[in-house]
Amino acid sequence: MANLNLNKVILAGRLTADPELKKTQMNDTSVCSFTVAVNRRFAKQGDQPQADFINCVAWRQQAELLSRYFRKGSSVCVIGSIQNRSWTDQQGNKRYTTEVIVDEINFVDSKGEGPNRDFSGEAPVQTPAYSTAPAEMTQFEEADEDDLPF
């Protein structure tokens, strides 16, 4: 049996806050940490919807595009990989975090919808902000529940 190693994450949800662009001290690289709220698919009938809040980090072009075009509440599709990291805090305690390192970030809101408008008042382009996928693979169509085969 072949040895399989795969670390791929796809998230679709909403930003919990405006992305904040920062620069690294060493080489002035753009970095943007943000959180995506993803509603859980299954809940007991009558229960309030529950969500998971997933920390993400975008670097370089993705970080700059996030800070420019996305706002709190923007619908996003994030593709990336999970990474664990640790550090020692000021009190000497070992701290750990798990986050998604962004490979691709895509707009989900259609033109004119959502809070992801730039300051000129025009919605950004609907194609991916930064993606290695072909443009035709990133287009989504709205589906009516009656059209679904299940």
Protein backbone atom coordinates (compact mmCIF):
# COMPACT_ATOMS: atom_id res chain seq x y z
CA MET A 1 0.00 0.00 0.00
CA ALA A 2 1.29 3.45 -0.94
CA ASN A 3 2.07 6.00 1.72
CA LEU A 4 -0.50 8.79 1.39
CA ASN A 5 0.05 12.22 2.93
CA LEU A 6 -2.62 14.84 2.37
CA ASN A 7 -3.36 18.07 4.24
CA LYS A 8 -6.10 20.01 2.42
CA VAL A 9 -8.89 22.11 3.91
CA ILE A 10 -11.86 23.78 2.22
CA LEU A 11 -13.90 26.24 4.28
CA ALA A 12 -16.96 28.22 3.26
CA GLY A 13 -18.24 30.73 5.76
CA ARG A 14 -18.18 34.36 6.83
CA LEU A 15 -15.45 36.57 8.25
CA THR A 16 -15.97 37.36 11.93
CA ALA A 17 -14.11 40.71 11.75
CA ASP A 18 -12.46 43.02 9.23
CA PRO A 19 -9.13 41.55 8.13
CA GLU A 20 -6.15 43.50 9.42
CA LEU A 21 -3.03 43.64 7.27
CA LYS A 22 0.30 43.51 9.10
CA LYS A 23 3.92 43.36 7.95
CA THR A 24 6.62 41.12 9.38
CA GLN A 25 9.45 42.97 11.14
CA MET A 26 12.20 41.01 9.46
CA ASN A 27 11.48 41.31 5.75
CA ASP A 28 8.27 43.41 5.52
CA THR A 29 6.14 40.48 4.25
CA SER A 30 2.36 41.02 4.29
CA VAL A 31 0.39 38.77 6.63
CA CYS A 32 -3.28 38.74 7.54
CA SER A 33 -4.81 36.64 10.34
CA PHE A 34 -8.58 36.24 10.29
CA THR A 35 -11.33 33.96 11.52
CA VAL A 36 -13.99 32.24 9.43
CA ALA A 37 -17.29 31.25 11.06
CA VAL A 38 -18.66 28.06 9.52
CA ASN A 39 -22.15 26.93 10.48
CA ARG A 40 -22.46 23.29 11.40
CA ARG A 41 -24.64 21.38 8.97
CA PHE A 42 -26.56 19.31 11.47
CA ALA A 43 -28.36 20.51 14.56
CA LYS A 44 -31.23 19.14 16.57
CA GLN A 45 -34.56 20.51 15.45
CA GLY A 46 -35.38 23.72 17.31
CA ASP A 47 -31.78 24.32 18.42
CA GLN A 48 -29.99 27.53 17.61
CA PRO A 49 -27.52 27.15 14.73
CA GLN A 50 -24.00 26.42 15.92
CA ALA A 51 -20.79 27.51 14.26
CA ASP A 52 -17.13 26.66 14.38
CA PHE A 53 -14.67 29.55 14.37
CA ILE A 54 -11.56 28.66 12.40
CA ASN A 55 -8.40 30.75 12.52
CA CYS A 56 -6.71 31.35 9.17
CA VAL A 57 -3.51 33.06 8.03
CA ALA A 58 -2.90 34.50 4.56
CA TRP A 59 0.49 35.69 3.33
CA ARG A 60 1.75 38.06 0.64
CA GLN A 61 -0.77 38.73 -2.21
CA GLN A 62 -3.65 36.92 -0.50
CA ALA A 63 -3.12 38.99 2.65
CA GLU A 64 -3.21 42.25 0.72
CA LEU A 65 -6.28 41.26 -1.30
CA LEU A 66 -8.10 40.15 1.85
CA SER A 67 -7.52 43.48 3.57
CA ARG A 68 -8.60 45.40 0.48
CA TYR A 69 -11.77 43.58 -0.62
CA PHE A 70 -13.16 41.64 2.34
CA ARG A 71 -14.96 42.95 5.42
CA LYS A 72 -16.63 41.54 8.50
CA GLY A 73 -19.52 39.35 7.34
CA SER A 74 -18.09 38.74 3.85
CA SER A 75 -18.76 35.25 2.53
CA VAL A 76 -15.53 33.50 1.60
CA CYS A 77 -14.27 30.17 0.38
CA VAL A 78 -10.81 29.37 1.73
CA ILE A 79 -8.63 26.54 0.50
CA GLY A 80 -5.48 25.72 2.40
CA SER A 81 -3.76 23.37 4.81
CA ILE A 82 -3.82 22.89 8.58
CA GLN A 83 -0.73 23.86 10.51
CA ASN A 84 0.05 23.51 14.20
CA ARG A 85 2.50 25.86 15.86
CA SER A 86 3.75 26.51 19.36
CA TRP A 87 5.53 29.30 21.21
CA THR A 88 6.44 30.32 24.72
CA ASP A 89 4.46 33.26 26.13
CA GLN A 90 5.83 36.05 28.34
CA GLN A 91 5.06 34.04 31.48
CA GLY A 92 7.10 31.09 30.18
CA ASN A 93 4.06 28.92 29.37
CA LYS A 94 4.09 26.79 26.24
CA ARG A 95 1.18 27.85 23.97
CA TYR A 96 -0.25 26.00 20.96
CA THR A 97 -2.51 26.92 18.08
CA THR A 98 -3.95 25.26 15.02
CA GLU A 99 -4.72 27.39 11.97
CA VAL A 100 -5.39 27.13 8.26
CA ILE A 101 -2.61 28.46 6.03
CA VAL A 102 -4.40 29.94 3.01
CA ASP A 103 -3.51 28.74 -0.49
CA GLU A 104 -6.57 30.26 -2.20
CA ILE A 105 -9.27 32.71 -1.18
CA ASN A 106 -12.42 33.21 -3.25
CA PHE A 107 -15.32 35.64 -3.23
CA VAL A 108 -18.67 33.98 -2.57
CA ASP A 109 -21.02 36.98 -2.42
CA SER A 110 -22.42 37.81 -5.85
CA LYS A 111 -21.90 41.26 -7.32
CA GLY A 112 -23.71 43.89 -5.27
CA GLU A 113 -24.26 41.57 -2.27
CA GLY A 114 -22.48 41.40 1.02
CA PRO A 115 -20.10 43.74 2.77
CA ASN A 116 -17.08 43.05 0.56
CA ARG A 117 -17.30 46.31 -1.34
CA ASP A 118 -14.30 48.57 -1.77
CA PHE A 119 -14.45 52.25 -0.87
CA SER A 120 -15.41 53.34 -4.40
CA GLY A 121 -18.81 51.70 -3.84
CA GLU A 122 -18.30 49.10 -6.56
CA ALA A 123 -18.21 45.42 -5.75
CA PRO A 124 -14.94 43.66 -6.57
CA VAL A 125 -14.69 41.20 -9.42
CA GLN A 126 -16.42 37.86 -8.80
CA THR A 127 -13.46 35.78 -9.90
CA PRO A 128 -11.06 34.48 -7.23
CA ALA A 129 -8.97 37.09 -5.45
CA TYR A 130 -5.96 34.83 -5.78
CA SER A 131 -6.34 31.33 -7.01
CA THR A 132 -4.40 28.69 -8.84
CA ALA A 133 -7.65 27.11 -10.08
CA PRO A 134 -8.91 27.93 -13.57
CA ALA A 135 -11.59 30.65 -13.57
CA GLU A 136 -14.27 28.30 -14.94
CA MET A 137 -13.85 26.06 -11.88
CA THR A 138 -14.58 28.91 -9.45
CA GLN A 139 -17.99 29.94 -10.78
CA PHE A 140 -20.94 28.84 -8.65
CA GLU A 141 -24.60 28.78 -9.60
CA GLU A 142 -27.52 29.31 -7.25
CA ALA A 143 -29.64 26.16 -6.99
CA ASP A 144 -33.26 25.96 -5.97
CA GLU A 145 -34.01 23.23 -3.40
CA ASP A 146 -36.59 21.76 -5.78
CA ASP A 147 -33.84 21.18 -8.39
CA LEU A 148 -31.72 19.01 -6.09
CA PRO A 149 -31.80 15.25 -6.79
CA PHE A 150 -32.02 14.26 -3.11
